[in-house]
Amino acid sequence: MKHLSFKILIFCILMPPVLYVLSTQLLQGYLSSWYETDIKNVYLSEVNDVLNGITPVSDAIQESIDQYKNESIFPDLGGRLEVTVRTSQGSILYPPAYQSATLENLPTDPVKLAEQNFEILNKGLELDVTASIPPYSLISAAILLFYILIFLGGLYVHYRRALKSAHMEDKQRADEIQRLAELEQSHKQRAHSLAEERESLLSEYQEIQKSLESTKQKAEKEEEDLFEEIESLEERLQENLARQNEQVEEINQLKEKIDELEKDRQAQNQQKEKAADRLGRRFKVLYKNIDFTDRALSGLADMDDDMGLKAEELIHQLNNDSSMVTIKRKVFSKKGRATVFEVIFAYRGRLYFRKTSQNRVEVLAIGTKKSQNKDLAYLDSL
């Protein structure tokens, strides 16, 4: 969960059931209207037999609708199709379970039956069709599974992007720590060298003292010079000790700086991620024709206010008309998959973008002259 946004996770969990409910309601309304129109064309298909008194109108309607239901694939997929046919007086002709006693006692004489059928048809029939999709049906399961797979795919893409960005940041942090560790090792070697020099000076000092004791009586006239030489050696020794202490303190300070740098880097990374996220949301609203990569948003978040304003001015021009932007050069990746354009802003700023297959502008990286090599390396990796 380190690299996964909690908001996006909640969004991907909640949206499938919400979209499933909305889609089911819309589909039920559409199918009800469509089936009602379709059934109107077939439920009186045997009208000649009805008008000739051969078949009661209720039996003709029942036979036509039952045959239509049997041929329809919607009930086989778990859907429910409820059809009701009423006369203008409210008598139910279909389904037969709700037919009134009057309709059940229709005359058997063909002439009277024809008159009765004609009277019913002349007064008009009311058709009501309701298509419903139960939650446990195959259609419902397919709709819900469709939305779940879509949002699972989006969640996986987001996770892979966040994981890639985190790996790059960890590599940069590891490189910096390694550099500081090498610097610390260099200072340790220098301190070791100074310690050896100190031992050498101490040994030399001891030898001089012994020589002084053995020649003291013979060199009384040179005593003053010898004392000066001893003082010089002592001063050198003190200087050496002072330099060694300074090296030790410097090593301790470097260790503290390494710890502080690690803490500051973690805090900066968190602030950088928040700033890039805010920029991404704002740009998504302001610039409808441009897509931004995470590296581009991160690079823009690192800039100062003046450079950021110049960069956003350039982005505004790209959003309105990318052909009006002055392009410095084309950058061809080693893999040869895409052509990237380089644009300069505020003298030191660099912006790299390309055109997508949908004729949209995709901003790949934003940086300065100092970060140009890293940006070009990133473009080669695309």
Protein backbone atom coordinates (compact mmCIF):
# COMPACT_ATOMS: atom_id res chain seq x y z
CA MET A 1 0.00 0.00 0.00
CA LYS A 2 3.05 2.29 0.08
CA HIS A 3 2.80 3.23 -3.59
CA LEU A 4 -1.00 3.06 -3.95
CA SER A 5 -3.23 6.11 -3.46
CA PHE A 6 -5.96 5.46 -0.87
CA LYS A 7 -8.37 7.75 -2.74
CA ILE A 8 -7.91 5.87 -6.00
CA LEU A 9 -8.35 2.55 -4.19
CA ILE A 10 -11.66 3.69 -2.63
CA PHE A 11 -12.73 5.07 -6.02
CA CYS A 12 -12.04 1.76 -7.78
CA ILE A 13 -13.94 -0.15 -5.06
CA LEU A 14 -17.04 2.07 -5.02
CA MET A 15 -17.45 2.85 -8.72
CA PRO A 16 -18.19 -0.69 -10.06
CA PRO A 17 -21.35 -1.20 -7.93
CA VAL A 18 -22.47 2.40 -8.54
CA LEU A 19 -22.03 2.09 -12.31
CA TYR A 20 -23.62 -1.37 -12.17
CA VAL A 21 -26.78 0.03 -10.53
CA LEU A 22 -26.98 2.97 -12.97
CA SER A 23 -26.33 0.77 -16.01
CA THR A 24 -28.94 -1.76 -14.88
CA GLN A 25 -31.58 0.94 -14.44
CA LEU A 26 -30.81 2.54 -17.80
CA LEU A 27 -30.75 -0.84 -19.55
CA GLN A 28 -34.10 -1.84 -18.01
CA GLY A 29 -35.68 1.40 -19.21
CA TYR A 30 -34.23 1.00 -22.71
CA LEU A 31 -35.25 -2.67 -22.99
CA SER A 32 -38.77 -1.93 -21.73
CA SER A 33 -39.24 0.71 -24.43
CA TRP A 34 -37.65 -1.45 -27.13
CA TYR A 35 -39.65 -4.59 -26.30
CA GLU A 36 -42.88 -2.60 -26.09
CA THR A 37 -42.30 -1.25 -29.60
CA ASP A 38 -41.34 -4.69 -30.90
CA ILE A 39 -44.29 -6.50 -29.28
CA LYS A 40 -46.74 -3.94 -30.70
CA ASN A 41 -45.76 -5.16 -34.16
CA VAL A 42 -46.39 -8.85 -33.45
CA TYR A 43 -49.01 -9.32 -30.74
CA LEU A 44 -51.92 -8.98 -33.28
CA SER A 45 -50.25 -10.96 -36.08
CA GLU A 46 -53.30 -13.29 -36.44
CA VAL A 47 -55.78 -10.41 -36.90
CA ASN A 48 -57.51 -12.09 -39.88
CA ASP A 49 -58.55 -15.09 -37.76
CA VAL A 50 -59.72 -12.70 -35.04
CA LEU A 51 -61.87 -10.60 -37.40
CA ASN A 52 -63.29 -13.73 -39.05
CA GLY A 53 -64.44 -15.09 -35.69
CA ILE A 54 -62.16 -18.11 -35.81
CA THR A 55 -60.07 -17.24 -32.76
CA PRO A 56 -60.92 -15.08 -29.72
CA VAL A 57 -58.78 -11.95 -29.54
CA SER A 58 -57.41 -12.96 -26.13
CA ASP A 59 -56.23 -16.36 -27.45
CA ALA A 60 -54.60 -14.74 -30.49
CA ILE A 61 -52.77 -12.23 -28.28
CA GLN A 62 -51.69 -14.96 -25.84
CA GLU A 63 -50.36 -17.18 -28.61
CA SER A 64 -48.42 -14.33 -30.28
CA ILE A 65 -46.88 -13.03 -27.07
CA ASP A 66 -46.01 -16.50 -25.75
CA GLN A 67 -44.32 -17.35 -29.04
CA TYR A 68 -42.42 -14.04 -28.94
CA LYS A 69 -41.21 -14.75 -25.38
CA ASN A 70 -40.09 -18.26 -26.33
CA GLU A 71 -38.06 -16.92 -29.26
CA SER A 72 -36.52 -14.04 -27.25
CA ILE A 73 -33.02 -14.55 -25.79
CA PHE A 74 -33.58 -12.04 -22.97
CA PRO A 75 -35.36 -14.50 -20.59
CA ASP A 76 -32.64 -17.11 -21.28
CA LEU A 77 -30.06 -14.64 -19.92
CA GLY A 78 -31.97 -14.27 -16.66
CA GLY A 79 -34.11 -11.25 -17.57
CA ARG A 80 -37.81 -10.90 -16.81
CA LEU A 81 -40.27 -9.74 -19.44
CA GLU A 82 -43.70 -8.81 -18.06
CA VAL A 83 -46.39 -8.03 -20.68
CA THR A 84 -49.91 -6.80 -19.91
CA VAL A 85 -52.64 -6.17 -22.53
CA ARG A 86 -55.87 -4.41 -21.46
CA THR A 87 -59.01 -3.36 -23.21
CA SER A 88 -60.20 0.23 -23.08
CA GLN A 89 -62.58 -0.81 -20.22
CA GLY A 90 -59.64 -2.19 -18.20
CA SER A 91 -60.26 -5.89 -18.81
CA ILE A 92 -56.98 -7.85 -18.93
CA LEU A 93 -56.48 -9.90 -22.10
CA TYR A 94 -52.92 -10.98 -21.24
CA PRO A 95 -51.61 -12.66 -19.14
CA PRO A 96 -54.51 -15.17 -19.16
CA ALA A 97 -54.38 -15.65 -15.38
CA TYR A 98 -55.90 -12.15 -14.94
CA GLN A 99 -58.59 -12.36 -17.63
CA SER A 100 -62.07 -11.31 -16.47
CA ALA A 101 -65.05 -13.64 -16.49
CA THR A 102 -66.61 -11.67 -19.37
CA LEU A 103 -63.70 -12.50 -21.66
CA GLU A 104 -63.73 -16.14 -20.60
CA ASN A 105 -67.39 -16.51 -21.65
CA LEU A 106 -66.99 -15.20 -25.21
CA PRO A 107 -69.61 -16.52 -27.67
CA THR A 108 -68.68 -19.57 -29.72
CA ASP A 109 -70.68 -18.50 -32.74
CA PRO A 110 -68.18 -17.22 -35.33
CA VAL A 111 -70.35 -14.24 -36.27
CA LYS A 112 -70.92 -13.14 -32.71
CA LEU A 113 -67.27 -13.86 -31.86
CA ALA A 114 -66.17 -11.75 -34.82
CA GLU A 115 -68.46 -8.92 -33.70
CA GLN A 116 -67.14 -9.19 -30.16
CA ASN A 117 -63.49 -9.23 -31.38
CA PHE A 118 -64.10 -6.27 -33.69
CA GLU A 119 -65.71 -4.29 -30.86
CA ILE A 120 -62.70 -4.92 -28.59
CA LEU A 121 -60.20 -3.99 -31.32
CA ASN A 122 -62.22 -0.96 -32.39
CA LYS A 123 -62.20 0.48 -28.87
CA GLY A 124 -58.44 0.00 -28.71
CA LEU A 125 -55.99 -2.02 -26.63
CA GLU A 126 -53.44 -0.87 -24.06
CA LEU A 127 -50.03 -2.59 -24.08
CA ASP A 128 -47.70 -2.36 -21.07
CA VAL A 129 -44.24 -4.01 -21.24
CA THR A 130 -41.73 -4.08 -18.35
CA ALA A 131 -38.25 -5.55 -18.77
CA SER A 132 -36.39 -6.18 -15.51
CA ILE A 133 -32.93 -7.56 -14.75
CA PRO A 134 -32.76 -9.47 -11.43
CA PRO A 135 -29.50 -9.11 -9.41
CA TYR A 136 -28.81 -12.84 -9.66
CA SER A 137 -29.22 -13.03 -13.47
CA LEU A 138 -26.46 -13.68 -16.01
CA ILE A 139 -26.84 -10.16 -17.44
CA SER A 140 -26.34 -8.56 -14.01
CA ALA A 141 -23.27 -10.68 -13.34
CA ALA A 142 -21.80 -9.79 -16.75
CA ILE A 143 -22.34 -6.03 -16.22
CA LEU A 144 -20.82 -6.07 -12.74
CA LEU A 145 -17.87 -8.21 -13.88
CA PHE A 146 -17.27 -5.83 -16.80
CA TYR A 147 -16.95 -2.79 -14.52
CA ILE A 148 -14.82 -4.69 -11.98
CA LEU A 149 -12.34 -5.73 -14.70
CA ILE A 150 -12.13 -2.16 -16.05
CA PHE A 151 -11.33 -0.62 -12.66
CA LEU A 152 -8.98 -3.46 -11.72
CA GLY A 153 -7.05 -2.74 -14.90
CA GLY A 154 -6.91 1.00 -14.08
CA LEU A 155 -5.81 0.24 -10.53
CA TYR A 156 -3.01 -2.02 -11.81
CA VAL A 157 -1.76 0.65 -14.26
CA HIS A 158 -1.72 3.28 -11.48
CA TYR A 159 0.18 0.93 -9.17
CA ARG A 160 2.82 0.15 -11.81
CA ARG A 161 3.40 3.85 -12.47
CA ALA A 162 3.72 4.70 -8.78
CA LEU A 163 6.05 1.74 -8.24
CA LYS A 164 8.30 2.83 -11.11
CA SER A 165 8.51 6.38 -9.75
CA ALA A 166 9.36 5.09 -6.27
CA HIS A 167 12.11 2.86 -7.66
CA MET A 168 13.68 5.83 -9.42
CA GLU A 169 13.60 7.93 -6.25
CA ASP A 170 15.09 5.09 -4.20
CA LYS A 171 17.91 4.71 -6.72
CA GLN A 172 18.70 8.43 -6.59
CA ARG A 173 18.68 8.36 -2.79
CA ALA A 174 20.92 5.28 -2.74
CA ASP A 175 23.38 6.96 -5.13
CA GLU A 176 23.58 10.03 -2.90
CA ILE A 177 24.12 7.92 0.22
CA GLN A 178 26.85 5.96 -1.55
CA ARG A 179 28.57 9.21 -2.55
CA LEU A 180 28.51 10.47 1.02
CA ALA A 181 29.77 7.09 2.27
CA GLU A 182 32.69 7.28 -0.15
CA LEU A 183 33.42 10.82 1.06
CA GLU A 184 33.34 9.57 4.64
CA GLN A 185 35.75 6.75 3.76
CA SER A 186 38.10 9.27 2.16
CA HIS A 187 38.12 11.38 5.32
CA LYS A 188 38.76 8.29 7.40
CA GLN A 189 41.77 7.48 5.25
CA ARG A 190 43.04 11.01 5.68
CA ALA A 191 42.59 10.74 9.45
CA HIS A 192 44.47 7.43 9.43
CA SER A 193 47.30 9.04 7.47
CA LEU A 194 47.48 11.89 9.97
CA ALA A 195 47.55 9.40 12.83
CA GLU A 196 50.50 7.63 11.23
CA GLU A 197 52.24 10.94 10.75
CA ARG A 198 51.61 11.73 14.41
CA GLU A 199 53.20 8.43 15.45
CA SER A 200 56.16 9.20 13.25
CA LEU A 201 56.54 12.63 14.80
CA LEU A 202 56.26 11.19 18.29
CA SER A 203 58.97 8.68 17.47
CA GLU A 204 61.16 11.40 16.05
CA TYR A 205 60.50 13.54 19.09
CA GLN A 206 61.54 10.73 21.42
CA GLU A 207 64.71 10.13 19.45
CA ILE A 208 65.61 13.80 19.66
CA GLN A 209 65.03 13.80 23.41
CA LYS A 210 67.33 10.81 23.80
CA SER A 211 69.93 12.45 21.65
CA LEU A 212 69.56 15.61 23.71
CA GLU A 213 70.18 13.78 26.95
CA SER A 214 73.27 12.07 25.61
CA THR A 215 74.81 15.24 24.19
CA LYS A 216 73.52 17.71 26.76
CA GLN A 217 76.84 18.19 28.49
CA LYS A 218 78.72 18.42 25.19
CA ALA A 219 76.32 20.85 23.59
CA GLU A 220 75.62 23.45 26.25
CA LYS A 221 76.37 26.19 23.77
CA GLU A 222 73.83 24.78 21.32
CA GLU A 223 71.18 24.24 24.03
CA GLU A 224 69.11 27.18 22.95
CA ASP A 225 68.99 25.96 19.35
CA LEU A 226 68.01 22.50 20.49
CA PHE A 227 65.19 23.89 22.63
CA GLU A 228 63.89 25.84 19.66
CA GLU A 229 63.94 22.69 17.57
CA ILE A 230 62.02 20.84 20.29
CA GLU A 231 59.47 23.64 20.46
CA SER A 232 59.08 23.47 16.69
CA LEU A 233 58.48 19.74 16.87
CA GLU A 234 55.99 20.19 19.69
CA GLU A 235 54.15 22.82 17.68
CA ARG A 236 54.03 20.45 14.72
CA LEU A 237 52.76 17.73 17.02
CA GLN A 238 50.05 19.99 18.41
CA GLU A 239 49.08 21.05 14.93
CA ASN A 240 48.90 17.43 13.90
CA LEU A 241 46.73 16.59 16.90
CA ALA A 242 44.49 19.57 16.16
CA ARG A 243 44.15 18.51 12.52
CA GLN A 244 43.32 14.98 13.60
CA ASN A 245 40.62 16.26 15.98
CA GLU A 246 39.21 18.42 13.21
CA GLN A 247 39.05 15.39 10.90
CA VAL A 248 37.26 13.37 13.57
CA GLU A 249 34.75 16.20 14.10
CA GLU A 250 34.31 16.54 10.35
CA ILE A 251 33.59 12.80 10.08
CA ASN A 252 30.98 13.06 12.86
CA GLN A 253 29.40 16.07 11.13
CA LEU A 254 29.25 14.14 7.86
CA LYS A 255 27.46 11.29 9.61
CA GLU A 256 24.94 13.75 11.05
CA LYS A 257 24.51 15.37 7.64
CA ILE A 258 23.86 11.96 6.08
CA ASP A 259 21.10 11.28 8.65
CA GLU A 260 19.63 14.78 8.17
CA LEU A 261 19.84 14.44 4.40
CA GLU A 262 17.93 11.16 4.54
CA LYS A 263 15.19 12.72 6.70
CA ASP A 264 15.03 15.85 4.54
CA ARG A 265 14.87 13.74 1.38
CA GLN A 266 11.94 11.74 2.74
CA ALA A 267 10.11 14.94 3.71
CA GLN A 268 10.89 16.53 0.33
CA ASN A 269 9.67 13.45 -1.51
CA GLN A 270 6.37 13.57 0.37
CA GLN A 271 5.96 17.29 -0.34
CA LYS A 272 6.98 16.73 -3.94
CA GLU A 273 4.37 13.99 -4.39
CA LYS A 274 1.64 16.19 -2.89
CA ALA A 275 2.63 19.18 -5.04
CA ALA A 276 2.72 17.03 -8.19
CA ASP A 277 -0.70 15.56 -7.33
CA ARG A 278 -2.18 19.05 -6.89
CA LEU A 279 -0.70 20.17 -10.21
CA GLY A 280 -2.07 17.08 -11.94
CA ARG A 281 -5.60 17.71 -10.69
CA ARG A 282 -5.44 21.41 -11.58
CA PHE A 283 -3.98 20.84 -15.05
CA LYS A 284 -6.56 18.14 -15.79
CA VAL A 285 -9.27 20.78 -15.32
CA LEU A 286 -7.47 23.69 -17.03
CA TYR A 287 -5.83 21.98 -19.99
CA LYS A 288 -8.22 19.54 -21.63
CA ASN A 289 -6.03 18.90 -24.68
CA ILE A 290 -2.85 17.91 -22.82
CA ASP A 291 -1.81 14.77 -20.94
CA PHE A 292 0.99 14.94 -18.35
CA THR A 293 3.36 12.23 -17.14
CA ASP A 294 4.27 11.91 -13.48
CA ARG A 295 7.84 12.99 -14.29
CA ALA A 296 6.61 16.18 -15.96
CA LEU A 297 4.46 17.10 -12.95
CA SER A 298 7.31 16.26 -10.58
CA GLY A 299 9.78 18.40 -12.55
CA LEU A 300 7.36 21.35 -12.60
CA ALA A 301 6.78 21.04 -8.85
CA ASP A 302 10.56 21.35 -8.23
CA MET A 303 10.82 24.70 -10.04
CA ASP A 304 10.68 28.11 -8.39
CA ASP A 305 7.71 30.41 -8.91
CA ASP A 306 9.18 32.36 -11.86
CA MET A 307 10.23 29.26 -13.77
CA GLY A 308 6.91 27.58 -12.94
CA LEU A 309 4.94 30.54 -14.35
CA LYS A 310 7.00 30.49 -17.56
CA ALA A 311 6.47 26.74 -17.89
CA GLU A 312 2.71 27.07 -17.35
CA GLU A 313 2.58 29.86 -19.94
CA LEU A 314 4.15 27.47 -22.44
CA ILE A 315 1.69 24.73 -21.43
CA HIS A 316 -1.17 27.17 -22.05
CA GLN A 317 0.14 27.79 -25.57
CA LEU A 318 0.41 24.03 -26.22
CA ASN A 319 -3.17 23.54 -25.05
CA ASN A 320 -4.49 26.27 -27.37
CA ASP A 321 -2.40 25.52 -30.47
CA SER A 322 0.77 23.42 -30.34
CA SER A 323 1.78 24.57 -33.83
CA MET A 324 2.34 28.12 -32.49
CA VAL A 325 5.06 26.93 -30.08
CA THR A 326 8.67 27.42 -31.21
CA ILE A 327 10.43 24.05 -31.21
CA LYS A 328 14.20 24.02 -30.65
CA ARG A 329 14.84 20.52 -31.94
CA LYS A 330 13.48 17.00 -32.31
CA VAL A 331 14.72 14.34 -29.92
CA PHE A 332 14.78 10.79 -31.30
CA SER A 333 14.82 8.00 -28.75
CA LYS A 334 17.30 5.15 -29.15
CA LYS A 335 14.44 2.71 -29.51
CA GLY A 336 13.01 4.80 -32.37
CA ARG A 337 9.42 4.47 -31.16
CA ALA A 338 8.45 8.14 -30.98
CA THR A 339 9.60 11.63 -31.94
CA VAL A 340 9.82 14.03 -29.02
CA PHE A 341 9.99 17.83 -29.39
CA GLU A 342 12.17 20.01 -27.15
CA VAL A 343 11.01 23.56 -26.27
CA ILE A 344 13.02 26.17 -24.33
CA PHE A 345 11.44 28.59 -21.87
CA ALA A 346 12.93 31.18 -19.50
CA TYR A 347 16.43 30.58 -21.04
CA ARG A 348 17.21 27.64 -18.75
CA GLY A 349 13.92 25.72 -18.86
CA ARG A 350 13.35 22.64 -21.03
CA LEU A 351 9.99 21.05 -21.92
CA TYR A 352 9.64 17.78 -23.89
CA PHE A 353 6.37 16.72 -25.53
CA ARG A 354 5.03 14.51 -28.29
CA LYS A 355 1.82 14.06 -30.29
CA THR A 356 -0.30 10.98 -29.50
CA SER A 357 -2.30 8.89 -31.96
CA GLN A 358 -5.44 10.79 -30.85
CA ASN A 359 -3.76 14.05 -31.94
CA ARG A 360 -3.38 15.13 -28.30
CA VAL A 361 -0.29 16.66 -26.73
CA GLU A 362 1.52 14.55 -24.11
CA VAL A 363 4.04 16.46 -21.94
CA LEU A 364 6.73 13.90 -21.05
CA ALA A 365 9.24 15.89 -18.96
CA ILE A 366 9.82 19.42 -17.64
CA GLY A 367 13.20 20.49 -16.27
CA THR A 368 16.18 22.81 -16.62
CA LYS A 369 19.54 22.72 -18.33
CA LYS A 370 20.99 20.94 -15.29
CA SER A 371 18.46 18.09 -15.46
CA GLN A 372 18.63 17.78 -19.26
CA ASN A 373 20.80 14.64 -19.28
CA LYS A 374 18.48 12.85 -16.87
CA ASP A 375 15.43 13.95 -18.86
CA LEU A 376 16.94 12.67 -22.12
CA ALA A 377 17.79 9.38 -20.43
CA TYR A 378 14.16 9.15 -19.31
CA LEU A 379 12.94 9.80 -22.87
CA ASP A 380 15.18 6.98 -24.15
CA SER A 381 13.53 4.61 -21.71
CA LEU A 382 10.03 5.26 -23.08
